[in-house]
Structure formats: structure tokens, C-alpha cells
Amino acid sequence: MTSATEIIALPRRDRLRPVRLWLYGIAVMVLLMVLVGGATRLTDSGLSITSWKPVAGIIPPLTPSDWSAEFQAYQQIPEFELVNRGMSLEEFKTIFWWEWGHRGLGRLIGVVFFVPFLVFLWQRRLSWRLAPALALLFVLGGLQGALGWWMVTSGLAGRIDVSQYRLAAHLAAACILFLALIFVARRIRPPRAGGATAKMRRAWPVGIFAALVFVQIVAGAFVAGLDAGLAYNNWPLMDGALVPDGLFVLSPWWVNFFENAATVQLTHRLLAYVIVFAAFWLAIASFRRTAWRGHHVWAPVIVALTLVQAALGIATLVLAVPIGLALAHQGTAFLLAGASICWLEDLTRPTGSPIPPAQDLEIAARSNVA
């Protein structure tokens, strides 16, 4: 009689599925917060709350005296003196609720992130490699809130709106958080068979495309910060020319790309043309190689989102920035960036699960007696 012990690794059930759904849900909330922030900007509501109270600010004004105090604080800043002088308390309440909702949504995202994170730690769904990555995302979310207040402070004295530089930093941080949430969520999918070395060599064009979309989103923040979308409301010409006058009237010359409305809008247009061309180039190249099979199914999605985004941008421009179209334009930009990151993650994904759960294998021992 002989005996042998056979150790077999059995795939464990997908314990990270709740984590993925949680991360995707937070990404949706971040996108919603970006849209609310855009509406706050377009309704000139962003400076209606002149103090930052991360905890106490959760409770809005509840009594007439509370509302009076908030309104009096707003009356001390240049925006009220130079733009909204004569505004009634009821009109103030309208812009107040936009800003309060924007900040409240940010607090809610923090709670929705932190509480499930602790639950997943307790359930041992997170490995020592995954938990720090998620903690970093939480810190990035907190940084986003700090950047928001830093942006608001730029408009409380000496000017009637916020700095376009700080607005761009705030939006860029939101975009990075949104993309990081999607990337991590996709990275912790169950492993697939097959190597990734060959795929990684073909990933760089998609990476460049994703970077272009990110730069375009930041450029859009400068357009919004300078109200450059209202400077030239025709297309494809600008003031009757492909290249309008006055592009480099500021000194030094590079400042025009950040502070000259005409230059900022033209830059945004030119980047859009480059992105449309790049999307079609990627789609054609991937079709010739793979007929859009497998990971390259993202190629037609990218083209469709790019065309929708371009059409929304043109419509927003020629109709002088209506709120609905402007928000759709901003939201589609984030969707395009997200689709690009999904494609990039597919192309660079290692064979095995790079960030495994705390226990991703069950070890079963079988004893055979012969």
C-alpha cells in the first residue's frame, strides 16, 4: 500500500468583484461631481460660500439669521460688488445651493470610499499590494477637496472669478482620480491566459492618445476659466479667419496660451483636430491588424466618442455655451478619457493578476491510497 499527497491549486471565487463594482461606482460619482462642478461654474455659483468648513459645512443654513450671515459674507467679495450688486437673498440662495451641493457630493464620495474600504479590509478581500493603492486613491480624493478650496480662495479677493490656473489644477486632479479608479478596477479583474509582452509593445499609441485627451481636458479648463468659449462663436473660422489676430499680444509669448482668450480657444480647437485624426488613425491601424477583435474592440468606441465630443464642442461654441451642451461636452470628454484608459489597461495587463486578493487560491490536498 502506498500513499501520495497531491497539492492542487483551485481558483477561488471572484472575491474582488464587490471591490471592482465599488470602484466603478465611485468613478461614476466623481464624474457626477465634475458635472455638478461645471454647472456651478456656468451659473457663477462657485464663490457663493466664502469659507471652508469640512465638517460643519455639511449642515446648510437653517434659520433666517444663518442665511443672513452667509449672504453678508458673500457681499464682502469683489464678485458681489462688481457683478451681482443688487442681488436678492432668494437669488443668492440659488447659487448657494449649487456650491453646497458640489461640496456635499465631495463629502459623500469620501464616505462612500472610506467605509467600504474598511469593510473590505475586515473581510480580507484586499491584499497588502492592493490596500496601499486604494489608500492612495483616498488621499488623492482628499487632495481634490483641498485643491477645490485653494481654487475658491483665488476669487475671494482682487478678482471676480477664480484663477484659471487653479481651475485647471482642480479639474486635472478630478480627471486623474477618475482614470485611476477605472484603471485599478480593471486591473483587479480575474487573470486571463496568455502573455502580455507582445501586447505591451503595441500599447504606446493608445497611451499617447489618452495623454492627448487628458491635455485637451486641461485645455478646456482654461477655456472655461477665461470664458474663452464666448470669444469667437463661429466655426471653422475665428473672426472670419482660420488664424485670428491678437494671438500673441501678451508678453512673454507663452503666457498667451494660458491668459489670452483667443489663443486658448484656438489651442483647444487645434487639439481637437489632432485628437480626431489620432482616433481614426488608431481605429484604422487596429482594424488592419485585428479587425477590432479582442482588446481592440475599444477602437470603434473611441472613434464614436471622439466624433460625439467634437460635435458637442462645435455646438457648444456656436450656440454661445448653453449649460446643457457645455456639461454634455465636459462629460463626454471624461468618458473618452475613460475608454482610452480601459483600452490601455487591456493592452498592458500582465498574464496573472498583478494585484491579487488576500487569498486568491485554495490549496486542496488529496490523499490517494493504492
Protein backbone atom coordinates (compact mmCIF):
# COMPACT_ATOMS: atom_id res chain seq x y z
CA MET A 1 0.00 0.00 0.00
CA THR A 2 1.39 3.38 -0.99
CA SER A 3 0.12 6.87 -0.46
CA ALA A 4 0.81 10.18 -2.14
CA THR A 5 -0.27 13.70 -1.43
CA GLU A 6 -1.25 15.77 -4.42
CA ILE A 7 -1.40 19.55 -3.97
CA ILE A 8 -3.82 21.18 -6.38
CA ALA A 9 -4.39 24.95 -6.74
CA LEU A 10 -8.06 25.65 -7.30
CA PRO A 11 -9.15 29.14 -8.44
CA ARG A 12 -11.03 30.85 -5.67
CA ARG A 13 -14.34 32.56 -6.39
CA ASP A 14 -14.02 36.14 -7.59
CA ARG A 15 -13.71 37.82 -4.19
CA LEU A 16 -12.73 41.13 -5.78
CA ARG A 17 -15.92 41.62 -7.74
CA PRO A 18 -17.52 43.77 -4.99
CA VAL A 19 -14.34 45.84 -4.89
CA ARG A 20 -14.48 46.43 -8.63
CA LEU A 21 -18.14 47.44 -8.52
CA TRP A 22 -17.35 49.78 -5.63
CA LEU A 23 -14.52 51.46 -7.55
CA TYR A 24 -16.64 51.81 -10.68
CA GLY A 25 -19.42 53.32 -8.57
CA ILE A 26 -17.03 55.89 -7.10
CA ALA A 27 -15.80 56.71 -10.62
CA VAL A 28 -19.40 57.43 -11.63
CA MET A 29 -19.77 59.67 -8.56
CA VAL A 30 -16.58 61.54 -9.49
CA LEU A 31 -17.95 62.09 -13.00
CA LEU A 32 -21.21 63.36 -11.50
CA MET A 33 -19.24 65.70 -9.26
CA VAL A 34 -17.38 67.06 -12.30
CA LEU A 35 -20.70 67.79 -13.99
CA VAL A 36 -22.09 69.49 -10.88
CA GLY A 37 -18.87 71.47 -10.67
CA GLY A 38 -19.31 72.50 -14.30
CA ALA A 39 -22.85 73.65 -13.60
CA THR A 40 -21.57 75.53 -10.57
CA ARG A 41 -19.05 77.28 -12.78
CA LEU A 42 -21.55 78.08 -15.55
CA THR A 43 -24.09 79.50 -13.09
CA ASP A 44 -21.40 81.63 -11.39
CA SER A 45 -22.10 79.88 -8.10
CA GLY A 46 -18.61 78.81 -7.12
CA LEU A 47 -17.85 81.79 -4.86
CA SER A 48 -21.18 81.80 -3.01
CA ILE A 49 -19.69 80.03 0.02
CA THR A 50 -16.73 82.04 1.26
CA SER A 51 -15.48 79.72 4.00
CA TRP A 52 -14.27 76.14 4.15
CA LYS A 53 -15.72 74.01 6.92
CA PRO A 54 -15.11 70.36 6.00
CA VAL A 55 -17.30 69.04 8.84
CA ALA A 56 -19.56 71.88 9.98
CA GLY A 57 -20.24 72.84 6.38
CA ILE A 58 -22.29 69.68 5.94
CA ILE A 59 -25.21 71.47 7.60
CA PRO A 60 -26.63 74.25 5.39
CA PRO A 61 -28.17 77.47 6.75
CA LEU A 62 -31.37 76.55 8.57
CA THR A 63 -32.63 79.83 10.01
CA PRO A 64 -33.09 83.35 8.62
CA SER A 65 -30.12 84.51 10.68
CA ASP A 66 -27.96 81.75 9.21
CA TRP A 67 -28.92 82.79 5.69
CA SER A 68 -28.29 86.43 6.51
CA ALA A 69 -24.79 85.63 7.78
CA GLU A 70 -23.93 83.66 4.63
CA PHE A 71 -25.27 86.41 2.40
CA GLN A 72 -23.37 89.11 4.27
CA ALA A 73 -20.14 87.12 3.87
CA TYR A 74 -20.76 86.88 0.13
CA GLN A 75 -21.42 90.62 -0.07
CA GLN A 76 -17.84 91.29 1.06
CA ILE A 77 -16.15 89.77 -2.01
CA PRO A 78 -15.48 91.53 -5.35
CA GLU A 79 -17.86 89.31 -7.33
CA PHE A 80 -20.84 90.70 -5.44
CA GLU A 81 -19.62 94.29 -5.55
CA LEU A 82 -18.79 94.32 -9.27
CA VAL A 83 -21.13 91.70 -10.78
CA ASN A 84 -24.05 90.86 -8.52
CA ARG A 85 -24.67 94.07 -6.63
CA GLY A 86 -28.40 94.28 -6.02
CA MET A 87 -28.82 90.50 -5.80
CA SER A 88 -31.68 89.47 -3.50
CA LEU A 89 -31.43 86.86 -0.77
CA GLU A 90 -33.57 84.47 -2.79
CA GLU A 91 -31.27 84.83 -5.79
CA PHE A 92 -28.31 84.20 -3.51
CA LYS A 93 -29.90 81.00 -2.24
CA THR A 94 -29.98 79.64 -5.80
CA ILE A 95 -26.22 79.96 -6.32
CA PHE A 96 -25.55 78.88 -2.74
CA TRP A 97 -27.29 75.54 -3.24
CA TRP A 98 -25.23 74.77 -6.34
CA GLU A 99 -21.97 75.23 -4.46
CA TRP A 100 -23.25 73.49 -1.33
CA GLY A 101 -24.35 70.52 -3.45
CA HIS A 102 -20.95 70.36 -5.13
CA ARG A 103 -19.12 70.29 -1.81
CA GLY A 104 -21.66 67.91 -0.29
CA LEU A 105 -21.18 65.44 -3.12
CA GLY A 106 -17.44 65.55 -2.48
CA ARG A 107 -18.01 64.70 1.20
CA LEU A 108 -20.35 61.88 0.21
CA ILE A 109 -17.70 60.42 -2.10
CA GLY A 110 -15.27 60.43 0.82
CA VAL A 111 -17.72 58.46 2.99
CA VAL A 112 -18.61 56.04 0.19
CA PHE A 113 -14.90 55.41 -0.30
CA PHE A 114 -13.74 55.13 3.31
CA VAL A 115 -16.46 52.98 4.88
CA PRO A 116 -16.46 50.16 2.28
CA PHE A 117 -12.66 50.28 2.29
CA LEU A 118 -12.68 49.37 5.99
CA VAL A 119 -15.29 46.68 5.37
CA PHE A 120 -13.22 45.11 2.60
CA LEU A 121 -10.15 45.16 4.84
CA TRP A 122 -12.12 43.38 7.56
CA GLN A 123 -13.35 40.82 5.03
CA ARG A 124 -9.76 40.25 3.88
CA ARG A 125 -10.65 41.00 0.28
CA LEU A 126 -7.66 43.33 -0.08
CA SER A 127 -4.06 42.21 -0.30
CA TRP A 128 -1.10 44.13 1.07
CA ARG A 129 -0.44 45.23 -2.51
CA LEU A 130 -3.96 46.43 -3.24
CA ALA A 131 -4.76 48.17 0.06
CA PRO A 132 -1.99 50.84 -0.28
CA ALA A 133 -3.10 51.58 -3.85
CA LEU A 134 -6.66 52.18 -2.65
CA ALA A 135 -5.43 54.26 0.27
CA LEU A 136 -3.53 56.41 -2.23
CA LEU A 137 -6.76 56.93 -4.18
CA PHE A 138 -8.42 58.10 -0.96
CA VAL A 139 -5.61 60.60 -0.37
CA LEU A 140 -5.96 61.79 -3.97
CA GLY A 141 -9.66 62.37 -3.35
CA GLY A 142 -8.86 64.42 -0.25
CA LEU A 143 -6.32 66.42 -2.24
CA GLN A 144 -9.06 67.15 -4.74
CA GLY A 145 -11.13 68.78 -1.98
CA ALA A 146 -8.15 70.87 -0.85
CA LEU A 147 -7.50 71.96 -4.44
CA GLY A 148 -11.13 72.99 -4.72
CA TRP A 149 -10.86 75.31 -1.74
CA TRP A 150 -7.49 76.62 -2.97
CA MET A 151 -9.24 77.44 -6.24
CA VAL A 152 -12.11 79.23 -4.49
CA THR A 153 -9.74 81.39 -2.43
CA SER A 154 -8.30 82.85 -5.62
CA GLY A 155 -11.64 84.52 -6.34
CA LEU A 156 -12.36 85.94 -2.90
CA ALA A 157 -10.10 88.97 -3.22
CA GLY A 158 -8.66 91.02 -6.06
CA ARG A 159 -10.74 89.44 -8.84
CA ILE A 160 -14.31 88.50 -9.70
CA ASP A 161 -13.73 84.85 -10.55
CA VAL A 162 -11.33 82.05 -9.75
CA SER A 163 -7.88 81.66 -11.27
CA GLN A 164 -7.92 79.65 -14.48
CA TYR A 165 -4.67 78.02 -13.37
CA ARG A 166 -6.24 76.74 -10.17
CA LEU A 167 -9.39 75.71 -12.02
CA ALA A 168 -7.26 73.66 -14.41
CA ALA A 169 -5.42 72.04 -11.49
CA HIS A 170 -8.73 71.19 -9.82
CA LEU A 171 -10.17 69.61 -12.98
CA ALA A 172 -6.91 67.79 -13.78
CA ALA A 173 -6.89 66.22 -10.30
CA ALA A 174 -10.50 65.10 -10.75
CA CYS A 175 -9.64 63.55 -14.11
CA ILE A 176 -6.61 61.72 -12.68
CA LEU A 177 -8.76 60.36 -9.84
CA PHE A 178 -11.46 59.25 -12.29
CA LEU A 179 -8.96 57.47 -14.55
CA ALA A 180 -7.08 55.89 -11.63
CA LEU A 181 -10.32 54.43 -10.25
CA ILE A 182 -11.14 52.87 -13.61
CA PHE A 183 -7.60 51.57 -14.14
CA VAL A 184 -7.38 49.91 -10.71
CA ALA A 185 -10.86 48.43 -11.04
CA ARG A 186 -9.97 46.83 -14.36
CA ARG A 187 -6.54 45.75 -13.19
CA ILE A 188 -8.03 43.52 -10.47
CA ARG A 189 -10.19 41.51 -12.85
CA PRO A 190 -9.64 37.74 -12.81
CA PRO A 191 -6.47 36.77 -14.73
CA ARG A 192 -6.56 35.61 -18.31
CA ALA A 193 -4.38 33.11 -20.07
CA GLY A 194 -1.70 34.29 -22.45
CA GLY A 195 1.29 36.58 -22.27
CA ALA A 196 1.29 40.36 -22.36
CA THR A 197 4.77 41.15 -23.67
CA ALA A 198 3.72 41.48 -27.29
CA LYS A 199 0.67 43.50 -26.37
CA MET A 200 2.68 45.99 -24.33
CA ARG A 201 4.81 46.88 -27.36
CA ARG A 202 1.65 47.99 -29.16
CA ALA A 203 0.25 49.99 -26.28
CA TRP A 204 2.22 53.20 -26.68
CA PRO A 205 -0.03 54.76 -29.40
CA VAL A 206 -3.05 54.30 -27.14
CA GLY A 207 -1.09 55.78 -24.24
CA ILE A 208 -0.23 58.84 -26.32
CA PHE A 209 -3.88 59.18 -27.34
CA ALA A 210 -5.00 59.02 -23.70
CA ALA A 211 -2.43 61.68 -22.82
CA LEU A 212 -3.73 63.92 -25.63
CA VAL A 213 -7.28 63.61 -24.31
CA PHE A 214 -6.08 64.50 -20.80
CA VAL A 215 -4.22 67.56 -22.10
CA GLN A 216 -7.36 68.58 -24.00
CA ILE A 217 -9.45 68.34 -20.82
CA VAL A 218 -6.97 70.61 -19.03
CA ALA A 219 -7.04 72.99 -22.02
CA GLY A 220 -10.83 73.01 -21.71
CA ALA A 221 -10.44 74.18 -18.12
CA PHE A 222 -8.52 77.21 -19.36
CA VAL A 223 -11.26 77.86 -21.91
CA ALA A 224 -13.82 77.78 -19.09
CA GLY A 225 -11.70 79.83 -16.71
CA LEU A 226 -11.27 82.65 -19.23
CA ASP A 227 -14.79 82.36 -20.70
CA ALA A 228 -12.91 81.84 -23.96
CA GLY A 229 -15.86 79.90 -25.38
CA LEU A 230 -17.66 83.24 -25.67
CA ALA A 231 -14.81 84.98 -27.50
CA TYR A 232 -15.37 83.61 -31.04
CA ASN A 233 -18.66 81.82 -31.60
CA ASN A 234 -18.27 80.68 -35.19
CA TRP A 235 -16.71 77.62 -36.77
CA PRO A 236 -14.50 76.64 -38.53
CA LEU A 237 -13.30 80.25 -38.79
CA MET A 238 -12.45 82.56 -35.92
CA ASP A 239 -13.39 86.17 -36.60
CA GLY A 240 -13.50 85.38 -40.31
CA ALA A 241 -10.08 83.74 -40.43
CA LEU A 242 -8.52 80.39 -39.72
CA VAL A 243 -5.98 82.16 -37.52
CA PRO A 244 -7.35 85.30 -35.85
CA ASP A 245 -5.33 88.37 -34.97
CA GLY A 246 -4.10 89.10 -31.47
CA LEU A 247 -2.81 85.64 -30.60
CA PHE A 248 0.45 86.85 -29.07
CA VAL A 249 -0.31 90.31 -27.70
CA LEU A 250 0.77 89.37 -24.17
CA SER A 251 4.36 89.19 -23.01
CA PRO A 252 6.15 86.87 -22.54
CA TRP A 253 4.71 84.99 -25.55
CA TRP A 254 3.98 81.73 -23.74
CA VAL A 255 1.55 83.46 -21.35
CA ASN A 256 -0.89 83.79 -24.25
CA PHE A 257 -1.55 80.03 -24.12
CA PHE A 258 -2.95 80.45 -20.61
CA GLU A 259 -4.24 84.03 -20.37
CA ASN A 260 -5.25 85.14 -23.88
CA ALA A 261 -8.81 84.02 -24.68
CA ALA A 262 -8.20 83.90 -28.44
CA THR A 263 -5.04 81.80 -28.12
CA VAL A 264 -6.63 79.50 -25.56
CA GLN A 265 -9.66 78.85 -27.77
CA LEU A 266 -7.54 78.27 -30.89
CA THR A 267 -5.31 75.84 -28.96
CA HIS A 268 -8.40 73.93 -27.81
CA ARG A 269 -9.65 73.73 -31.41
CA LEU A 270 -6.32 72.54 -32.80
CA LEU A 271 -6.00 69.86 -30.12
CA ALA A 272 -9.49 68.67 -31.05
CA TYR A 273 -8.45 68.25 -34.68
CA VAL A 274 -5.36 66.29 -33.63
CA ILE A 275 -7.45 64.01 -31.41
CA VAL A 276 -9.99 63.31 -34.17
CA PHE A 277 -7.18 62.42 -36.57
CA ALA A 278 -5.47 60.24 -33.95
CA ALA A 279 -8.71 58.39 -33.15
CA PHE A 280 -9.24 57.47 -36.80
CA TRP A 281 -5.59 56.52 -37.22
CA LEU A 282 -5.78 54.18 -34.22
CA ALA A 283 -9.03 52.67 -35.46
CA ILE A 284 -7.72 52.01 -38.97
CA ALA A 285 -4.42 50.59 -37.70
CA SER A 286 -6.12 48.27 -35.21
CA PHE A 287 -8.67 47.11 -37.80
CA ARG A 288 -5.95 46.17 -40.25
CA ARG A 289 -4.17 44.17 -37.57
CA THR A 290 -7.04 42.62 -35.61
CA ALA A 291 -10.35 43.56 -37.31
CA TRP A 292 -11.25 45.08 -33.92
CA ARG A 293 -11.26 41.73 -32.18
CA GLY A 294 -10.28 41.13 -28.57
CA HIS A 295 -8.83 44.14 -26.78
CA HIS A 296 -9.14 46.29 -29.90
CA VAL A 297 -12.93 46.37 -29.67
CA TRP A 298 -12.30 49.70 -27.95
CA ALA A 299 -11.16 51.28 -31.25
CA PRO A 300 -14.66 51.94 -32.72
CA VAL A 301 -15.86 53.07 -29.29
CA ILE A 302 -13.06 55.64 -29.20
CA VAL A 303 -13.97 56.91 -32.69
CA ALA A 304 -17.66 57.22 -31.81
CA LEU A 305 -16.96 59.10 -28.56
CA THR A 306 -14.47 61.37 -30.32
CA LEU A 307 -16.98 62.32 -33.02
CA VAL A 308 -19.73 62.93 -30.45
CA GLN A 309 -17.33 65.03 -28.40
CA ALA A 310 -16.31 67.09 -31.42
CA ALA A 311 -19.93 67.68 -32.43
CA LEU A 312 -20.83 68.72 -28.88
CA GLY A 313 -17.87 71.09 -28.79
CA ILE A 314 -18.86 72.79 -32.04
CA ALA A 315 -22.50 73.08 -30.96
CA THR A 316 -21.49 74.47 -27.56
CA LEU A 317 -19.31 77.06 -29.28
CA VAL A 318 -21.71 78.31 -31.96
CA LEU A 319 -24.65 78.44 -29.53
CA ALA A 320 -22.63 80.56 -27.06
CA VAL A 321 -22.15 77.92 -24.35
CA PRO A 322 -25.61 76.79 -23.22
CA ILE A 323 -25.33 74.95 -19.91
CA GLY A 324 -26.77 71.64 -21.09
CA LEU A 325 -24.48 71.31 -24.08
CA ALA A 326 -21.45 72.51 -22.15
CA LEU A 327 -21.99 69.84 -19.47
CA ALA A 328 -22.53 67.15 -22.11
CA HIS A 329 -19.28 68.27 -23.77
CA GLN A 330 -17.39 68.02 -20.48
CA GLY A 331 -18.92 64.69 -19.52
CA THR A 332 -18.17 63.10 -22.89
CA ALA A 333 -14.56 64.22 -22.59
CA PHE A 334 -14.26 62.21 -19.37
CA LEU A 335 -15.95 59.21 -20.99
CA LEU A 336 -13.48 59.39 -23.88
CA ALA A 337 -10.56 59.54 -21.46
CA GLY A 338 -12.04 56.61 -19.52
CA ALA A 339 -12.45 54.49 -22.66
CA SER A 340 -8.84 55.26 -23.60
CA ILE A 341 -7.64 54.09 -20.19
CA CYS A 342 -9.71 50.90 -20.50
CA TRP A 343 -8.05 50.13 -23.83
CA LEU A 344 -4.62 50.94 -22.45
CA GLU A 345 -5.16 48.71 -19.41
CA ASP A 346 -6.27 45.83 -21.64
CA LEU A 347 -3.13 46.16 -23.73
CA THR A 348 -0.74 46.33 -20.77
CA ARG A 349 -2.38 43.82 -18.47
CA PRO A 350 0.03 41.12 -17.23
CA THR A 351 -0.83 37.46 -17.57
CA GLY A 352 -1.51 36.85 -13.89
CA SER A 353 -3.47 39.01 -11.53
CA PRO A 354 -1.00 41.83 -10.66
CA ILE A 355 -2.88 42.80 -7.52
CA PRO A 356 -4.31 39.57 -6.10
CA PRO A 357 -6.81 39.38 -3.26
CA ALA A 358 -5.66 38.41 0.19
CA GLN A 359 -6.40 34.74 -0.56
CA ASP A 360 -6.65 34.10 -4.29
CA LEU A 361 -6.07 30.37 -4.25
CA GLU A 362 -7.45 27.45 -2.33
CA ILE A 363 -4.95 24.70 -1.71
CA ALA A 364 -6.59 21.30 -1.61
CA ALA A 365 -4.79 18.17 -0.51
CA ARG A 366 -5.85 14.86 -1.87
CA SER A 367 -4.56 11.61 -0.46
CA ASN A 368 -4.68 8.65 -2.78
CA VAL A 369 -4.32 5.26 -1.27
CA ALA A 370 -3.41 2.47 -3.57
